[in-house]
PDB file of N, CA and C in Angstrom:
ATOM      1  N   MET A   1      71.052  57.709 124.229  1.00  0.00           N
ATOM      2  CA  MET A   1      72.561  58.341 123.952  1.00  0.00           C
ATOM      3  C   MET A   1      73.148  58.510 125.720  1.00  0.00           C
ATOM      4  N   THR A   2      73.948  57.938 126.237  1.00  0.00           N
ATOM      5  CA  THR A   2      74.687  58.287 127.899  1.00  0.00           C
ATOM      6  C   THR A   2      75.220  59.212 127.630  1.00  0.00           C
ATOM      7  N   ALA A   3      75.460  60.111 128.840  1.00  0.00           N
ATOM      8  CA  ALA A   3      76.418  60.931 129.259  1.00  0.00           C
ATOM      9  C   ALA A   3      77.825  60.882 128.564  1.00  0.00           C
ATOM     10  N   THR A   4      78.029  59.728 128.812  1.00  0.00           N
ATOM     11  CA  THR A   4      79.708  59.768 127.889  1.00  0.00           C
ATOM     12  C   THR A   4      79.627  59.609 126.662  1.00  0.00           C
ATOM     13  N   GLN A   5      78.917  59.326 126.022  1.00  0.00           N
ATOM     14  CA  GLN A   5      79.009  59.269 124.674  1.00  0.00           C
ATOM     15  C   GLN A   5      78.519  61.103 123.939  1.00  0.00           C
ATOM     16  N   PHE A   6      78.010  61.761 124.792  1.00  0.00           N
ATOM     17  CA  PHE A   6      77.864  63.037 124.276  1.00  0.00           C
ATOM     18  C   PHE A   6      78.905  64.098 125.156  1.00  0.00           C
ATOM     19  N   HIS A   7      79.454  65.134 124.971  1.00  0.00           N
ATOM     20  CA  HIS A   7      79.975  65.830 125.633  1.00  0.00           C
ATOM     21  C   HIS A   7      79.219  66.941 125.099  1.00  0.00           C
ATOM     22  N   ALA A   8      78.585  68.135 125.617  1.00  0.00           N
ATOM     23  CA  ALA A   8      78.706  69.267 125.300  1.00  0.00           C
ATOM     24  C   ALA A   8      79.706  70.272 125.543  1.00  0.00           C
ATOM     25  N   ILE A   9      79.925  69.987 127.101  1.00  0.00           N
ATOM     26  CA  ILE A   9      81.543  70.731 127.116  1.00  0.00           C
ATOM     27  C   ILE A   9      82.746  69.866 126.986  1.00  0.00           C
ATOM     28  N   PRO A  10      83.459  70.792 126.648  1.00  0.00           N
ATOM     29  CA  PRO A  10      84.794  69.907 126.518  1.00  0.00           C
ATOM     30  C   PRO A  10      85.287  69.499 127.592  1.00  0.00           C
ATOM     31  N   GLU A  11      85.822  68.081 127.873  1.00  0.00           N
ATOM     32  CA  GLU A  11      86.580  67.699 129.129  1.00  0.00           C
ATOM     33  C   GLU A  11      87.982  68.528 129.354  1.00  0.00           C
ATOM     34  N   ASP A  12      88.868  68.981 128.254  1.00  0.00           N
ATOM     35  CA  ASP A  12      89.741  69.483 128.567  1.00  0.00           C
ATOM     36  C   ASP A  12      89.552  70.987 128.675  1.00  0.00           C
ATOM     37  N   PRO A  13      90.134  71.300 129.267  1.00  0.00           N
ATOM     38  CA  PRO A  13      89.704  72.955 129.932  1.00  0.00           C
ATOM     39  C   PRO A  13      90.517  73.876 128.147  1.00  0.00           C
ATOM     40  N   LYS A  14      91.697  72.981 127.592  1.00  0.00           N
ATOM     41  CA  LYS A  14      92.076  73.874 126.501  1.00  0.00           C
ATOM     42  C   LYS A  14      91.484  73.472 125.133  1.00  0.00           C
ATOM     43  N   GLU A  15      90.458  72.628 125.042  1.00  0.00           N
ATOM     44  CA  GLU A  15      89.890  72.508 124.196  1.00  0.00           C
ATOM     45  C   GLU A  15      88.899  73.352 123.743  1.00  0.00           C
ATOM     46  N   SER A  16      88.571  73.622 122.582  1.00  0.00           N
ATOM     47  CA  SER A  16      87.045  74.713 122.360  1.00  0.00           C
ATOM     48  C   SER A  16      85.933  74.295 121.649  1.00  0.00           C
ATOM     49  N   LEU A  17      85.278  74.895 121.788  1.00  0.00           N
ATOM     50  CA  LEU A  17      83.995  74.457 121.210  1.00  0.00           C
ATOM     51  C   LEU A  17      83.448  75.243 119.788  1.00  0.00           C
ATOM     52  N   PHE A  18      84.816  75.956 119.206  1.00  0.00           N
ATOM     53  CA  PHE A  18      84.693  76.203 118.133  1.00  0.00           C
ATOM     54  C   PHE A  18      85.648  75.250 117.044  1.00  0.00           C
ATOM     55  N   VAL A  19      85.559  75.409 115.746  1.00  0.00           N
ATOM     56  CA  VAL A  19      86.409  74.892 115.062  1.00  0.00           C
ATOM     57  C   VAL A  19      87.242  76.137 113.937  1.00  0.00           C
ATOM     58  N   PHE A  20      88.047  76.169 114.149  1.00  0.00           N
ATOM     59  CA  PHE A  20      88.978  77.452 113.571  1.00  0.00           C
ATOM     60  C   PHE A  20      89.137  76.916 112.185  1.00  0.00           C
ATOM     61  N   PRO A  21      89.726  78.329 111.427  1.00  0.00           N
ATOM     62  CA  PRO A  21      89.370  79.306 111.470  1.00  0.00           C
ATOM     63  C   PRO A  21      87.944  79.633 111.430  1.00  0.00           C
ATOM     64  N   CYS A  22      87.148  80.271 112.060  1.00  0.00           N
ATOM     65  CA  CYS A  22      85.473  80.766 111.834  1.00  0.00           C
ATOM     66  C   CYS A  22      85.415  82.217 112.203  1.00  0.00           C
ATOM     67  N   SER A  23      84.136  82.530 111.411  1.00  0.00           N
ATOM     68  CA  SER A  23      83.606  84.274 111.638  1.00  0.00           C
ATOM     69  C   SER A  23      83.267  83.902 113.262  1.00  0.00           C
ATOM     70  N   PHE A  24      83.661  85.102 113.987  1.00  0.00           N
ATOM     71  CA  PHE A  24      83.443  85.435 115.036  1.00  0.00           C
ATOM     72  C   PHE A  24      82.884  86.629 115.561  1.00  0.00           C
ATOM     73  N   VAL A  25      82.453  87.103 116.474  1.00  0.00           N
ATOM     74  CA  VAL A  25      81.610  88.591 116.398  1.00  0.00           C
ATOM     75  C   VAL A  25      81.871  88.774 118.237  1.00  0.00           C
ATOM     76  N   VAL A  26      82.833  89.979 118.267  1.00  0.00           N
ATOM     77  CA  VAL A  26      82.970  90.275 120.079  1.00  0.00           C
ATOM     78  C   VAL A  26      82.518  91.315 120.293  1.00  0.00           C
ATOM     79  N   LYS A  27      81.529  92.014 120.727  1.00  0.00           N
ATOM     80  CA  LYS A  27      81.191  93.300 121.485  1.00  0.00           C
ATOM     81  C   LYS A  27      81.772  93.586 122.927  1.00  0.00           C
ATOM     82  N   ALA A  28      81.552  94.998 123.009  1.00  0.00           N
ATOM     83  CA  ALA A  28      82.352  95.816 123.880  1.00  0.00           C
ATOM     84  C   ALA A  28      80.909  96.840 123.857  1.00  0.00           C
ATOM     85  N   MET A  29      80.879  97.011 125.821  1.00  0.00           N
ATOM     86  CA  MET A  29      80.164  97.880 125.923  1.00  0.00           C
ATOM     87  C   MET A  29      80.974  99.040 126.925  1.00  0.00           C
ATOM     88  N   GLY A  30      80.726 100.428 126.675  1.00  0.00           N
ATOM     89  CA  GLY A  30      81.476 101.269 127.575  1.00  0.00           C
ATOM     90  C   GLY A  30      80.482 102.669 127.555  1.00  0.00           C
ATOM     91  N   ARG A  31      81.130 103.688 127.949  1.00  0.00           N
ATOM     92  CA  ARG A  31      80.271 104.863 127.842  1.00  0.00           C
ATOM     93  C   ARG A  31      80.510 105.708 126.860  1.00  0.00           C
ATOM     94  N   ALA A  32      79.774 106.420 126.286  1.00  0.00           N
ATOM     95  CA  ALA A  32      79.923 107.341 125.333  1.00  0.00           C
ATOM     96  C   ALA A  32      80.311 108.297 125.383  1.00  0.00           C
ATOM     97  N   GLN A  33      81.626 108.222 125.870  1.00  0.00           N
ATOM     98  CA  GLN A  33      82.251 109.295 126.196  1.00  0.00           C
ATOM     99  C   GLN A  33      83.985 109.445 125.144  1.00  0.00           C
ATOM    100  N   GLY A  34      84.588 110.090 125.035  1.00  0.00           N
ATOM    101  CA  GLY A  34      85.772 109.723 124.200  1.00  0.00           C
ATOM    102  C   GLY A  34      85.585 109.430 122.662  1.00  0.00           C
ATOM    103  N   ASP A  35      86.707 108.566 122.372  1.00  0.00           N
ATOM    104  CA  ASP A  35      86.735 107.915 121.138  1.00  0.00           C
ATOM    105  C   ASP A  35      86.463 106.184 121.641  1.00  0.00           C
ATOM    106  N   PHE A  36      85.598 106.023 122.239  1.00  0.00           N
ATOM    107  CA  PHE A  36      85.072 104.363 122.273  1.00  0.00           C
ATOM    108  C   PHE A  36      85.393 103.652 121.462  1.00  0.00           C
ATOM    109  N   VAL A  37      85.017 104.045 120.521  1.00  0.00           N
ATOM    110  CA  VAL A  37      84.825 103.211 119.041  1.00  0.00           C
ATOM    111  C   VAL A  37      86.251 102.764 118.554  1.00  0.00           C
ATOM    112  N   ALA A  38      87.354 103.868 118.645  1.00  0.00           N
ATOM    113  CA  ALA A  38      88.598 103.762 118.423  1.00  0.00           C
ATOM    114  C   ALA A  38      89.384 102.841 119.464  1.00  0.00           C
ATOM    115  N   LEU A  39      89.026 102.725 120.144  1.00  0.00           N
ATOM    116  CA  LEU A  39      89.917 102.435 121.442  1.00  0.00           C
ATOM    117  C   LEU A  39      89.482 100.715 121.391  1.00  0.00           C
ATOM    118  N   ILE A  40      88.162 100.001 120.980  1.00  0.00           N
ATOM    119  CA  ILE A  40      87.976  99.070 120.832  1.00  0.00           C
ATOM    120  C   ILE A  40      88.713  98.538 119.446  1.00  0.00           C
ATOM    121  N   THR A  41      88.139  99.357 118.350  1.00  0.00           N
ATOM    122  CA  THR A  41      88.812  98.987 117.353  1.00  0.00           C
ATOM    123  C   THR A  41      90.568  98.784 117.398  1.00  0.00           C
ATOM    124  N   ASP A  42      91.371  99.342 118.287  1.00  0.00           N
ATOM    125  CA  ASP A  42      92.378  99.210 118.255  1.00  0.00           C
ATOM    126  C   ASP A  42      93.288  97.906 118.917  1.00  0.00           C
ATOM    127  N   ILE A  43      92.066  98.029 120.591  1.00  0.00           N
ATOM    128  CA  ILE A  43      92.361  96.076 120.843  1.00  0.00           C
ATOM    129  C   ILE A  43      92.206  95.192 120.243  1.00  0.00           C
ATOM    130  N   VAL A  44      91.047  94.804 119.466  1.00  0.00           N
ATOM    131  CA  VAL A  44      90.957  93.923 118.471  1.00  0.00           C
ATOM    132  C   VAL A  44      91.745  93.974 117.697  1.00  0.00           C
ATOM    133  N   ALA A  45      91.996  95.058 116.739  1.00  0.00           N
ATOM    134  CA  ALA A  45      93.332  95.151 115.780  1.00  0.00           C
ATOM    135  C   ALA A  45      94.627  94.291 116.324  1.00  0.00           C
ATOM    136  N   LYS A  46      94.826  94.729 117.382  1.00  0.00           N
ATOM    137  CA  LYS A  46      96.043  94.334 117.698  1.00  0.00           C
ATOM    138  C   LYS A  46      96.026  92.623 117.642  1.00  0.00           C
ATOM    139  N   HIS A  47      95.010  91.959 117.889  1.00  0.00           N
ATOM    140  CA  HIS A  47      94.779  90.601 117.753  1.00  0.00           C
ATOM    141  C   HIS A  47      94.304  89.685 116.849  1.00  0.00           C
ATOM    142  N   VAL A  48      94.130  91.013 115.808  1.00  0.00           N
ATOM    143  CA  VAL A  48      93.193  90.267 114.457  1.00  0.00           C
ATOM    144  C   VAL A  48      93.725  91.396 113.362  1.00  0.00           C
ATOM    145  N   PRO A  49      95.014  91.119 113.283  1.00  0.00           N
ATOM    146  CA  PRO A  49      95.882  92.224 112.139  1.00  0.00           C
ATOM    147  C   PRO A  49      95.024  92.687 110.990  1.00  0.00           C
ATOM    148  N   ASP A  50      94.257  91.515 110.474  1.00  0.00           N
ATOM    149  CA  ASP A  50      93.618  92.044 108.914  1.00  0.00           C
ATOM    150  C   ASP A  50      92.434  91.916 109.500  1.00  0.00           C
ATOM    151  N   LEU A  51      92.026  92.937 110.247  1.00  0.00           N
ATOM    152  CA  LEU A  51      90.892  93.437 110.903  1.00  0.00           C
ATOM    153  C   LEU A  51      89.975  94.405 109.630  1.00  0.00           C
ATOM    154  N   ALA A  52      88.822  94.093 109.464  1.00  0.00           N
ATOM    155  CA  ALA A  52      88.388  95.193 108.161  1.00  0.00           C
ATOM    156  C   ALA A  52      87.830  96.393 108.654  1.00  0.00           C
ATOM    157  N   ALA A  53      88.136  97.445 107.659  1.00  0.00           N
ATOM    158  CA  ALA A  53      87.652  98.467 108.347  1.00  0.00           C
ATOM    159  C   ALA A  53      85.828  98.541 108.295  1.00  0.00           C
ATOM    160  N   ASP A  54      85.272  97.547 107.250  1.00  0.00           N
ATOM    161  CA  ASP A  54      83.958  97.840 107.403  1.00  0.00           C
ATOM    162  C   ASP A  54      83.312  96.556 108.597  1.00  0.00           C
ATOM    163  N   ALA A  55      84.195  95.897 109.592  1.00  0.00           N
ATOM    164  CA  ALA A  55      84.122  94.684 110.373  1.00  0.00           C
ATOM    165  C   ALA A  55      83.920  95.216 112.054  1.00  0.00           C
ATOM    166  N   VAL A  56      83.630  96.986 112.059  1.00  0.00           N
ATOM    167  CA  VAL A  56      83.100  97.281 113.290  1.00  0.00           C
ATOM    168  C   VAL A  56      82.067  98.169 113.033  1.00  0.00           C
ATOM    169  N   LYS A  57      81.213  97.696 113.912  1.00  0.00           N
ATOM    170  CA  LYS A  57      79.751  98.509 113.598  1.00  0.00           C
ATOM    171  C   LYS A  57      79.376  99.191 115.022  1.00  0.00           C
ATOM    172  N   THR A  58      78.864 100.484 115.329  1.00  0.00           N
ATOM    173  CA  THR A  58      78.765 101.047 116.533  1.00  0.00           C
ATOM    174  C   THR A  58      76.876 101.155 116.750  1.00  0.00           C
ATOM    175  N   ARG A  59      76.348 101.076 118.077  1.00  0.00           N
ATOM    176  CA  ARG A  59      75.002 101.180 118.088  1.00  0.00           C
ATOM    177  C   ARG A  59      75.178 101.978 119.472  1.00  0.00           C
ATOM    178  N   PRO A  60      74.568 103.215 119.451  1.00  0.00           N
ATOM    179  CA  PRO A  60      74.387 103.901 121.058  1.00  0.00           C
ATOM    180  C   PRO A  60      73.238 103.398 121.914  1.00  0.00           C
ATOM    181  N   SER A  61      73.091 103.504 122.508  1.00  0.00           N
ATOM    182  CA  SER A  61      71.962 102.997 123.982  1.00  0.00           C
ATOM    183  C   SER A  61      70.925 104.008 123.663  1.00  0.00           C
ATOM    184  N   LYS A  62      69.379 103.611 124.167  1.00  0.00           N
ATOM    185  CA  LYS A  62      68.430 104.434 123.842  1.00  0.00           C
ATOM    186  C   LYS A  62      68.260 105.982 124.562  1.00  0.00           C
ATOM    187  N   ALA A  63      69.026 105.887 125.485  1.00  0.00           N
ATOM    188  CA  ALA A  63      69.061 107.453 125.861  1.00  0.00           C
ATOM    189  C   ALA A  63      70.751 108.091 125.830  1.00  0.00           C
ATOM    190  N   GLY A  64      71.585 106.991 124.827  1.00  0.00           N
ATOM    191  CA  GLY A  64      72.755 107.689 124.362  1.00  0.00           C
ATOM    192  C   GLY A  64      73.786 107.885 125.316  1.00  0.00           C
ATOM    193  N   ASN A  65      73.487 107.467 126.401  1.00  0.00           N
ATOM    194  CA  ASN A  65      74.556 107.691 127.556  1.00  0.00           C
ATOM    195  C   ASN A  65      75.729 106.182 127.488  1.00  0.00           C
ATOM    196  N   PHE A  66      75.515 105.248 126.647  1.00  0.00           N
ATOM    197  CA  PHE A  66      76.402 103.985 126.393  1.00  0.00           C
ATOM    198  C   PHE A  66      76.331 103.616 124.821  1.00  0.00           C
ATOM    199  N   THR A  67      77.708 103.334 124.240  1.00  0.00           N
ATOM    200  CA  THR A  67      77.810 102.307 123.177  1.00  0.00           C
ATOM    201  C   THR A  67      78.453 101.580 123.371  1.00  0.00           C
ATOM    202  N   ALA A  68      77.651 100.606 122.254  1.00  0.00           N
ATOM    203  CA  ALA A  68      78.112  98.963 122.038  1.00  0.00           C
ATOM    204  C   ALA A  68      78.755  98.664 120.641  1.00  0.00           C
ATOM    205  N   VAL A  69      79.748  98.337 120.513  1.00  0.00           N
ATOM    206  CA  VAL A  69      80.823  98.142 119.725  1.00  0.00           C
ATOM    207  C   VAL A  69      80.885  97.238 119.203  1.00  0.00           C
ATOM    208  N   THR A  70      80.644  96.390 117.960  1.00  0.00           N
ATOM    209  CA  THR A  70      80.750  94.813 117.784  1.00  0.00           C
ATOM    210  C   THR A  70      81.373  95.024 116.507  1.00  0.00           C
ATOM    211  N   ALA A  71      82.599  94.157 116.583  1.00  0.00           N
ATOM    212  CA  ALA A  71      83.159  93.643 115.658  1.00  0.00           C
ATOM    213  C   ALA A  71      83.180  92.091 115.209  1.00  0.00           C
ATOM    214  N   THR A  72      83.214  92.462 114.169  1.00  0.00           N
ATOM    215  CA  THR A  72      82.992  90.750 113.149  1.00  0.00           C
ATOM    216  C   THR A  72      84.557  90.453 112.317  1.00  0.00           C
ATOM    217  N   PHE A  73      85.059  88.996 112.540  1.00  0.00           N
ATOM    218  CA  PHE A  73      86.067  89.090 112.008  1.00  0.00           C
ATOM    219  C   PHE A  73      86.368  87.170 111.981  1.00  0.00           C
ATOM    220  N   VAL A  74      87.605  86.987 111.520  1.00  0.00           N
ATOM    221  CA  VAL A  74      88.001  85.470 111.363  1.00  0.00           C
ATOM    222  C   VAL A  74      88.811  84.947 112.160  1.00  0.00           C
ATOM    223  N   ALA A  75      88.071  84.286 113.164  1.00  0.00           N
ATOM    224  CA  ALA A  75      89.061  83.937 114.050  1.00  0.00           C
ATOM    225  C   ALA A  75      90.070  82.894 114.201  1.00  0.00           C
ATOM    226  N   THR A  76      91.403  82.617 114.601  1.00  0.00           N
ATOM    227  CA  THR A  76      92.009  81.515 113.974  1.00  0.00           C
ATOM    228  C   THR A  76      92.614  80.841 115.409  1.00  0.00           C
ATOM    229  N   SER A  77      92.268  81.070 116.658  1.00  0.00           N
ATOM    230  CA  SER A  77      92.567  80.030 117.717  1.00  0.00           C
ATOM    231  C   SER A  77      91.396  80.457 118.921  1.00  0.00           C
ATOM    232  N   GLN A  78      91.710  79.303 119.889  1.00  0.00           N
ATOM    233  CA  GLN A  78      91.134  79.805 120.658  1.00  0.00           C
ATOM    234  C   GLN A  78      91.728  80.770 121.768  1.00  0.00           C
ATOM    235  N   GLU A  79      92.910  80.876 121.873  1.00  0.00           N
ATOM    236  CA  GLU A  79      94.250  81.705 122.297  1.00  0.00           C
ATOM    237  C   GLU A  79      93.936  83.002 121.966  1.00  0.00           C
ATOM    238  N   GLN A  80      93.837  83.360 120.294  1.00  0.00           N
ATOM    239  CA  GLN A  80      93.291  84.837 119.991  1.00  0.00           C
ATOM    240  C   GLN A  80      92.448  85.137 120.181  1.00  0.00           C
ATOM    241  N   LEU A  81      91.095  84.184 120.798  1.00  0.00           N
ATOM    242  CA  LEU A  81      89.943  84.882 121.435  1.00  0.00           C
ATOM    243  C   LEU A  81      90.216  84.906 123.153  1.00  0.00           C
ATOM    244  N   ASP A  82      90.989  84.638 123.513  1.00  0.00           N
ATOM    245  CA  ASP A  82      91.365  84.207 125.315  1.00  0.00           C
ATOM    246  C   ASP A  82      91.893  85.590 125.228  1.00  0.00           C
ATOM    247  N   ASN A  83      92.653  85.986 124.117  1.00  0.00           N
ATOM    248  CA  ASN A  83      93.518  87.399 124.751  1.00  0.00           C
ATOM    249  C   ASN A  83      92.607  88.850 124.023  1.00  0.00           C
ATOM    250  N   ILE A  84      92.002  88.596 123.162  1.00  0.00           N
ATOM    251  CA  ILE A  84      90.806  89.613 122.893  1.00  0.00           C
ATOM    252  C   ILE A  84      90.230  89.924 124.260  1.00  0.00           C
ATOM    253  N   TYR A  85      89.466  89.032 124.875  1.00  0.00           N
ATOM    254  CA  TYR A  85      88.556  89.239 125.617  1.00  0.00           C
ATOM    255  C   TYR A  85      89.054  89.611 126.944  1.00  0.00           C
ATOM    256  N   TYR A  86      90.640  89.171 127.135  1.00  0.00           N
ATOM    257  CA  TYR A  86      91.715  89.511 128.448  1.00  0.00           C
ATOM    258  C   TYR A  86      91.664  91.063 128.281  1.00  0.00           C
ATOM    259  N   ALA A  87      92.124  91.307 127.392  1.00  0.00           N
ATOM    260  CA  ALA A  87      92.542  92.975 126.854  1.00  0.00           C
ATOM    261  C   ALA A  87      91.355  93.835 126.985  1.00  0.00           C
ATOM    262  N   LEU A  88      90.122  93.311 126.163  1.00  0.00           N
ATOM    263  CA  LEU A  88      88.891  94.201 126.426  1.00  0.00           C
ATOM    264  C   LEU A  88      88.411  94.358 127.955  1.00  0.00           C
ATOM    265  N   SER A  89      88.399  93.467 128.994  1.00  0.00           N
ATOM    266  CA  SER A  89      88.173  93.064 130.259  1.00  0.00           C
ATOM    267  C   SER A  89      88.846  93.980 130.848  1.00  0.00           C
ATOM    268  N   ALA A  90      90.365  93.903 130.927  1.00  0.00           N
ATOM    269  CA  ALA A  90      91.076  94.695 131.660  1.00  0.00           C
ATOM    270  C   ALA A  90      91.333  96.195 130.933  1.00  0.00           C
ATOM    271  N   HIS A  91      90.671  96.795 130.275  1.00  0.00           N
ATOM    272  CA  HIS A  91      90.811  98.062 129.906  1.00  0.00           C
ATOM    273  C   HIS A  91      89.317  99.027 130.672  1.00  0.00           C
ATOM    274  N   PRO A  92      89.750  99.891 131.703  1.00  0.00           N
ATOM    275  CA  PRO A  92      88.865 100.480 132.309  1.00  0.00           C
ATOM    276  C   PRO A  92      87.733 100.874 131.814  1.00  0.00           C
ATOM    277  N   ASP A  93      87.271 101.306 130.650  1.00  0.00           N
ATOM    278  CA  ASP A  93      86.565 102.174 129.781  1.00  0.00           C
ATOM    279  C   ASP A  93      85.731 100.845 129.079  1.00  0.00           C
ATOM    280  N   VAL A  94      85.941  99.753 129.530  1.00  0.00           N
ATOM    281  CA  VAL A  94      85.084  98.805 128.786  1.00  0.00           C
ATOM    282  C   VAL A  94      84.450  98.142 130.200  1.00  0.00           C
ATOM    283  N   LEU A  95      83.170  98.379 129.798  1.00  0.00           N
ATOM    284  CA  LEU A  95      82.080  97.910 130.991  1.00  0.00           C
ATOM    285  C   LEU A  95      81.839  96.563 131.048  1.00  0.00           C
ATOM    286  N   MET A  96      81.628  95.931 129.726  1.00  0.00           N
ATOM    287  CA  MET A  96      81.375  94.605 129.739  1.00  0.00           C
ATOM    288  C   MET A  96      81.933  94.185 128.003  1.00  0.00           C
ATOM    289  N   ALA A  97      82.030  93.155 128.199  1.00  0.00           N
ATOM    290  CA  ALA A  97      82.674  92.193 126.621  1.00  0.00           C
ATOM    291  C   ALA A  97      82.160  91.140 126.666  1.00  0.00           C
ATOM    292  N   LEU A  98      81.114  90.890 125.141  1.00  0.00           N
ATOM    293  CA  LEU A  98      80.528  89.346 125.070  1.00  0.00           C
ATOM    294  C   LEU A  98      81.362  89.100 123.969  1.00  0.00           C
TER     295      LEU A  98
END
């Protein structure tokens, strides 16, 4: 197989590696203070209107200083995913978004 026959990364940056709709998981990490879970849930729900109540899971860090919030949902487009990541990354309480 030659390089011209196989493309692992789309040539067009607007293309996606995903086939939509698809199940998708977003994880955000921040300090375990305030209501970080509600913050992340609200940010994701703005872009995923049908976010189920049981779609959000949390996990504290070993020392309890940080919280990881995982949201699982059906993604409908690359634009939707980009908007979620931009919103999460832009918030000062979000230390990392995956």
